[in-house]
Amino acid sequence: MTDPDTGQLMGAMTDLQAAQARRLLESTGQPVTFAPLDAPHTMHEPMAQQYVDMITGWIKTLP
């Protein structure tokens, strides 16, 4: 999806699509954690430490 004002990529899916994906996953009994990010779609480059912290935190929740 792109920002209609700037043409910049906003994300791989809309908020509505993300909410539906979350509902579908939760309906299977799988836990879902949503973490809103104030970051560009490619946050791994300009926000490397925040990216590492998010991924590391997620990895620690795995069995």
PDB file of N, CA and C in Angstrom:
ATOM      1  N   MET A   1       0.848  -1.168   0.000  1.00  0.00           N
ATOM      2  CA  MET A   1       0.000   0.000   0.000  1.00  0.00           C
ATOM      3  C   MET A   1       0.894   1.231   0.000  1.00  0.00           C
ATOM      4  N   THR A   2       0.503   2.226  -0.727  1.00  0.00           N
ATOM      5  CA  THR A   2       1.287   3.454  -0.776  1.00  0.00           C
ATOM      6  C   THR A   2       0.490   4.628  -0.218  1.00  0.00           C
ATOM      7  N   ASP A   3       1.206   5.586   0.315  1.00  0.00           N
ATOM      8  CA  ASP A   3       0.615   6.823   0.817  1.00  0.00           C
ATOM      9  C   ASP A   3       0.123   7.621  -0.387  1.00  0.00           C
ATOM     10  N   PRO A   4      -1.150   7.968  -0.416  1.00  0.00           N
ATOM     11  CA  PRO A   4      -1.669   8.672  -1.593  1.00  0.00           C
ATOM     12  C   PRO A   4      -1.073  10.069  -1.776  1.00  0.00           C
ATOM     13  N   ASP A   5      -0.561  10.658  -0.696  1.00  0.00           N
ATOM     14  CA  ASP A   5       0.019  11.998  -0.790  1.00  0.00           C
ATOM     15  C   ASP A   5       1.471  11.989  -1.254  1.00  0.00           C
ATOM     16  N   THR A   6       2.219  10.964  -0.825  1.00  0.00           N
ATOM     17  CA  THR A   6       3.656  10.943  -1.124  1.00  0.00           C
ATOM     18  C   THR A   6       4.054   9.862  -2.120  1.00  0.00           C
ATOM     19  N   GLY A   7       3.213   8.847  -2.265  1.00  0.00           N
ATOM     20  CA  GLY A   7       3.560   7.724  -3.127  1.00  0.00           C
ATOM     21  C   GLY A   7       4.518   6.745  -2.460  1.00  0.00           C
ATOM     22  N   GLN A   8       4.874   6.992  -1.197  1.00  0.00           N
ATOM     23  CA  GLN A   8       5.804   6.124  -0.477  1.00  0.00           C
ATOM     24  C   GLN A   8       5.107   4.854  -0.004  1.00  0.00           C
ATOM     25  N   LEU A   9       5.835   3.737  -0.014  1.00  0.00           N
ATOM     26  CA  LEU A   9       5.319   2.478   0.475  1.00  0.00           C
ATOM     27  C   LEU A   9       5.046   2.593   1.963  1.00  0.00           C
ATOM     28  N   MET A  10       3.834   2.238   2.390  1.00  0.00           N
ATOM     29  CA  MET A  10       3.446   2.316   3.798  1.00  0.00           C
ATOM     30  C   MET A  10       3.565   0.969   4.492  1.00  0.00           C
ATOM     31  N   GLY A  11       3.485  -0.082   3.755  1.00  0.00           N
ATOM     32  CA  GLY A  11       3.554  -1.398   4.359  1.00  0.00           C
ATOM     33  C   GLY A  11       3.140  -2.453   3.361  1.00  0.00           C
ATOM     34  N   ALA A  12       3.317  -3.684   3.748  1.00  0.00           N
ATOM     35  CA  ALA A  12       2.995  -4.783   2.853  1.00  0.00           C
ATOM     36  C   ALA A  12       1.503  -5.030   2.776  1.00  0.00           C
ATOM     37  N   MET A  13       0.746  -4.526   3.768  1.00  0.00           N
ATOM     38  CA  MET A  13      -0.704  -4.687   3.758  1.00  0.00           C
ATOM     39  C   MET A  13      -1.336  -3.523   4.495  1.00  0.00           C
ATOM     40  N   THR A  14      -2.609  -3.368   4.293  1.00  0.00           N
ATOM     41  CA  THR A  14      -3.330  -2.303   4.977  1.00  0.00           C
ATOM     42  C   THR A  14      -3.594  -2.710   6.420  1.00  0.00           C
ATOM     43  N   ASP A  15      -3.982  -1.744   7.247  1.00  0.00           N
ATOM     44  CA  ASP A  15      -4.348  -2.049   8.631  1.00  0.00           C
ATOM     45  C   ASP A  15      -5.528  -3.015   8.672  1.00  0.00           C
ATOM     46  N   LEU A  16      -6.471  -2.838   7.761  1.00  0.00           N
ATOM     47  CA  LEU A  16      -7.632  -3.724   7.695  1.00  0.00           C
ATOM     48  C   LEU A  16      -7.201  -5.157   7.375  1.00  0.00           C
ATOM     49  N   GLN A  17      -6.287  -5.306   6.435  1.00  0.00           N
ATOM     50  CA  GLN A  17      -5.785  -6.648   6.086  1.00  0.00           C
ATOM     51  C   GLN A  17      -5.018  -7.254   7.257  1.00  0.00           C
ATOM     52  N   ALA A  18      -4.230  -6.458   7.938  1.00  0.00           N
ATOM     53  CA  ALA A  18      -3.470  -6.953   9.090  1.00  0.00           C
ATOM     54  C   ALA A  18      -4.415  -7.399  10.205  1.00  0.00           C
ATOM     55  N   ALA A  19      -5.479  -6.636  10.430  1.00  0.00           N
ATOM     56  CA  ALA A  19      -6.448  -7.006  11.462  1.00  0.00           C
ATOM     57  C   ALA A  19      -7.130  -8.328  11.111  1.00  0.00           C
ATOM     58  N   GLN A  20      -7.457  -8.520   9.849  1.00  0.00           N
ATOM     59  CA  GLN A  20      -8.083  -9.772   9.423  1.00  0.00           C
ATOM     60  C   GLN A  20      -7.104 -10.935   9.583  1.00  0.00           C
ATOM     61  N   ALA A  21      -5.857 -10.742   9.217  1.00  0.00           N
ATOM     62  CA  ALA A  21      -4.849 -11.795   9.394  1.00  0.00           C
ATOM     63  C   ALA A  21      -4.723 -12.158  10.871  1.00  0.00           C
ATOM     64  N   ARG A  22      -4.727 -11.151  11.724  1.00  0.00           N
ATOM     65  CA  ARG A  22      -4.627 -11.402  13.163  1.00  0.00           C
ATOM     66  C   ARG A  22      -5.833 -12.205  13.646  1.00  0.00           C
ATOM     67  N   ARG A  23      -7.041 -11.820  13.220  1.00  0.00           N
ATOM     68  CA  ARG A  23      -8.251 -12.556  13.618  1.00  0.00           C
ATOM     69  C   ARG A  23      -8.177 -14.013  13.165  1.00  0.00           C
ATOM     70  N   LEU A  24      -7.720 -14.230  11.945  1.00  0.00           N
ATOM     71  CA  LEU A  24      -7.617 -15.600  11.434  1.00  0.00           C
ATOM     72  C   LEU A  24      -6.612 -16.424  12.239  1.00  0.00           C
ATOM     73  N   LEU A  25      -5.469 -15.840  12.521  1.00  0.00           N
ATOM     74  CA  LEU A  25      -4.456 -16.560  13.306  1.00  0.00           C
ATOM     75  C   LEU A  25      -4.971 -16.868  14.708  1.00  0.00           C
ATOM     76  N   GLU A  26      -5.587 -15.884  15.351  1.00  0.00           N
ATOM     77  CA  GLU A  26      -6.094 -16.093  16.703  1.00  0.00           C
ATOM     78  C   GLU A  26      -7.198 -17.142  16.727  1.00  0.00           C
ATOM     79  N   SER A  27      -7.981 -17.235  15.656  1.00  0.00           N
ATOM     80  CA  SER A  27      -9.071 -18.218  15.611  1.00  0.00           C
ATOM     81  C   SER A  27      -8.542 -19.651  15.587  1.00  0.00           C
ATOM     82  N   THR A  28      -7.259 -19.830  15.268  1.00  0.00           N
ATOM     83  CA  THR A  28      -6.658 -21.167  15.277  1.00  0.00           C
ATOM     84  C   THR A  28      -6.064 -21.505  16.641  1.00  0.00           C
ATOM     85  N   GLY A  29      -6.118 -20.537  17.556  1.00  0.00           N
ATOM     86  CA  GLY A  29      -5.555 -20.757  18.882  1.00  0.00           C
ATOM     87  C   GLY A  29      -4.107 -20.317  19.000  1.00  0.00           C
ATOM     88  N   GLN A  30      -3.565 -19.786  17.925  1.00  0.00           N
ATOM     89  CA  GLN A  30      -2.179 -19.324  17.951  1.00  0.00           C
ATOM     90  C   GLN A  30      -2.104 -17.944  18.615  1.00  0.00           C
ATOM     91  N   PRO A  31      -1.126 -17.751  19.478  1.00  0.00           N
ATOM     92  CA  PRO A  31      -0.979 -16.429  20.087  1.00  0.00           C
ATOM     93  C   PRO A  31      -0.455 -15.434  19.057  1.00  0.00           C
ATOM     94  N   VAL A  32      -0.948 -14.226  19.131  1.00  0.00           N
ATOM     95  CA  VAL A  32      -0.523 -13.168  18.217  1.00  0.00           C
ATOM     96  C   VAL A  32      -0.163 -11.947  19.046  1.00  0.00           C
ATOM     97  N   THR A  33       1.007 -11.407  18.801  1.00  0.00           N
ATOM     98  CA  THR A  33       1.425 -10.173  19.460  1.00  0.00           C
ATOM     99  C   THR A  33       1.577  -9.108  18.400  1.00  0.00           C
ATOM    100  N   PHE A  34       0.902  -8.003  18.623  1.00  0.00           N
ATOM    101  CA  PHE A  34       0.993  -6.879  17.698  1.00  0.00           C
ATOM    102  C   PHE A  34       1.831  -5.793  18.347  1.00  0.00           C
ATOM    103  N   ALA A  35       2.842  -5.328  17.644  1.00  0.00           N
ATOM    104  CA  ALA A  35       3.701  -4.259  18.146  1.00  0.00           C
ATOM    105  C   ALA A  35       3.691  -3.119  17.129  1.00  0.00           C
ATOM    106  N   PRO A  36       2.967  -2.040  17.420  1.00  0.00           N
ATOM    107  CA  PRO A  36       2.962  -0.916  16.479  1.00  0.00           C
ATOM    108  C   PRO A  36       4.348  -0.274  16.427  1.00  0.00           C
ATOM    109  N   LEU A  37       4.780   0.026  15.242  1.00  0.00           N
ATOM    110  CA  LEU A  37       6.110   0.603  15.063  1.00  0.00           C
ATOM    111  C   LEU A  37       6.003   1.938  14.343  1.00  0.00           C
ATOM    112  N   ASP A  38       6.705   2.903  14.831  1.00  0.00           N
ATOM    113  CA  ASP A  38       6.813   4.177  14.128  1.00  0.00           C
ATOM    114  C   ASP A  38       8.105   4.091  13.326  1.00  0.00           C
ATOM    115  N   ALA A  39       8.026   3.322  12.238  1.00  0.00           N
ATOM    116  CA  ALA A  39       9.228   3.016  11.466  1.00  0.00           C
ATOM    117  C   ALA A  39       8.857   2.818  10.006  1.00  0.00           C
ATOM    118  N   PRO A  40       9.801   3.048   9.120  1.00  0.00           N
ATOM    119  CA  PRO A  40       9.534   2.781   7.712  1.00  0.00           C
ATOM    120  C   PRO A  40       9.434   1.276   7.472  1.00  0.00           C
ATOM    121  N   HIS A  41       8.877   0.911   6.332  1.00  0.00           N
ATOM    122  CA  HIS A  41       8.712  -0.503   5.983  1.00  0.00           C
ATOM    123  C   HIS A  41      10.050  -1.244   6.019  1.00  0.00           C
ATOM    124  N   THR A  42      11.113  -0.574   5.655  1.00  0.00           N
ATOM    125  CA  THR A  42      12.445  -1.186   5.645  1.00  0.00           C
ATOM    126  C   THR A  42      13.237  -0.769   6.883  1.00  0.00           C
ATOM    127  N   MET A  43      12.641  -0.921   8.057  1.00  0.00           N
ATOM    128  CA  MET A  43      13.251  -0.427   9.290  1.00  0.00           C
ATOM    129  C   MET A  43      14.595  -1.082   9.610  1.00  0.00           C
ATOM    130  N   HIS A  44      14.869  -2.251   9.053  1.00  0.00           N
ATOM    131  CA  HIS A  44      16.111  -2.951   9.388  1.00  0.00           C
ATOM    132  C   HIS A  44      17.356  -2.160   8.998  1.00  0.00           C
ATOM    133  N   GLU A  45      17.233  -1.262   8.042  1.00  0.00           N
ATOM    134  CA  GLU A  45      18.411  -0.474   7.649  1.00  0.00           C
ATOM    135  C   GLU A  45      18.541   0.819   8.463  1.00  0.00           C
ATOM    136  N   PRO A  46      17.548   1.711   8.420  1.00  0.00           N
ATOM    137  CA  PRO A  46      17.728   2.973   9.134  1.00  0.00           C
ATOM    138  C   PRO A  46      17.556   2.860  10.646  1.00  0.00           C
ATOM    139  N   MET A  47      16.918   1.788  11.114  1.00  0.00           N
ATOM    140  CA  MET A  47      16.660   1.625  12.547  1.00  0.00           C
ATOM    141  C   MET A  47      17.143   0.255  12.998  1.00  0.00           C
ATOM    142  N   ALA A  48      18.382  -0.035  12.707  1.00  0.00           N
ATOM    143  CA  ALA A  48      18.933  -1.377  12.915  1.00  0.00           C
ATOM    144  C   ALA A  48      18.783  -1.871  14.354  1.00  0.00           C
ATOM    145  N   GLN A  49      19.080  -1.038  15.342  1.00  0.00           N
ATOM    146  CA  GLN A  49      19.009  -1.505  16.728  1.00  0.00           C
ATOM    147  C   GLN A  49      17.579  -1.809  17.143  1.00  0.00           C
ATOM    148  N   GLN A  50      16.630  -0.969  16.741  1.00  0.00           N
ATOM    149  CA  GLN A  50      15.226  -1.237  17.061  1.00  0.00           C
ATOM    150  C   GLN A  50      14.778  -2.540  16.396  1.00  0.00           C
ATOM    151  N   TYR A  51      15.219  -2.766  15.177  1.00  0.00           N
ATOM    152  CA  TYR A  51      14.895  -4.005  14.462  1.00  0.00           C
ATOM    153  C   TYR A  51      15.450  -5.212  15.227  1.00  0.00           C
ATOM    154  N   VAL A  52      16.699  -5.147  15.613  1.00  0.00           N
ATOM    155  CA  VAL A  52      17.328  -6.247  16.348  1.00  0.00           C
ATOM    156  C   VAL A  52      16.610  -6.480  17.668  1.00  0.00           C
ATOM    157  N   ASP A  53      16.262  -5.414  18.363  1.00  0.00           N
ATOM    158  CA  ASP A  53      15.561  -5.546  19.643  1.00  0.00           C
ATOM    159  C   ASP A  53      14.199  -6.224  19.469  1.00  0.00           C
ATOM    160  N   MET A  54      13.463  -5.847  18.412  1.00  0.00           N
ATOM    161  CA  MET A  54      12.154  -6.452  18.161  1.00  0.00           C
ATOM    162  C   MET A  54      12.297  -7.942  17.849  1.00  0.00           C
ATOM    163  N   ILE A  55      13.219  -8.280  16.971  1.00  0.00           N
ATOM    164  CA  ILE A  55      13.403  -9.681  16.588  1.00  0.00           C
ATOM    165  C   ILE A  55      13.916 -10.506  17.767  1.00  0.00           C
ATOM    166  N   THR A  56      14.866  -9.963  18.504  1.00  0.00           N
ATOM    167  CA  THR A  56      15.418 -10.671  19.663  1.00  0.00           C
ATOM    168  C   THR A  56      14.337 -10.911  20.718  1.00  0.00           C
ATOM    169  N   GLY A  57      13.505  -9.890  20.948  1.00  0.00           N
ATOM    170  CA  GLY A  57      12.408 -10.049  21.896  1.00  0.00           C
ATOM    171  C   GLY A  57      11.438 -11.133  21.461  1.00  0.00           C
ATOM    172  N   TRP A  58      11.134 -11.188  20.172  1.00  0.00           N
ATOM    173  CA  TRP A  58      10.232 -12.206  19.641  1.00  0.00           C
ATOM    174  C   TRP A  58      10.864 -13.596  19.789  1.00  0.00           C
ATOM    175  N   ILE A  59      12.140 -13.717  19.464  1.00  0.00           N
ATOM    176  CA  ILE A  59      12.823 -15.013  19.562  1.00  0.00           C
ATOM    177  C   ILE A  59      12.756 -15.553  20.996  1.00  0.00           C
ATOM    178  N   LYS A  60      12.871 -14.670  21.968  1.00  0.00           N
ATOM    179  CA  LYS A  60      12.836 -15.102  23.376  1.00  0.00           C
ATOM    180  C   LYS A  60      11.482 -15.664  23.786  1.00  0.00           C
ATOM    181  N   THR A  61      10.422 -15.387  23.009  1.00  0.00           N
ATOM    182  CA  THR A  61       9.105 -15.926  23.330  1.00  0.00           C
ATOM    183  C   THR A  61       8.868 -17.308  22.736  1.00  0.00           C
ATOM    184  N   LEU A  62       9.768 -17.746  21.863  1.00  0.00           N
ATOM    185  CA  LEU A  62       9.593 -19.043  21.217  1.00  0.00           C
ATOM    186  C   LEU A  62       9.878 -20.179  22.204  1.00  0.00           C
ATOM    187  N   PRO A  63       9.143 -21.295  22.037  1.00  0.00           N
ATOM    188  CA  PRO A  63       9.382 -22.431  22.946  1.00  0.00           C
ATOM    189  C   PRO A  63      10.751 -23.055  22.733  1.00  0.00           C
TER     190      PRO A  63
END
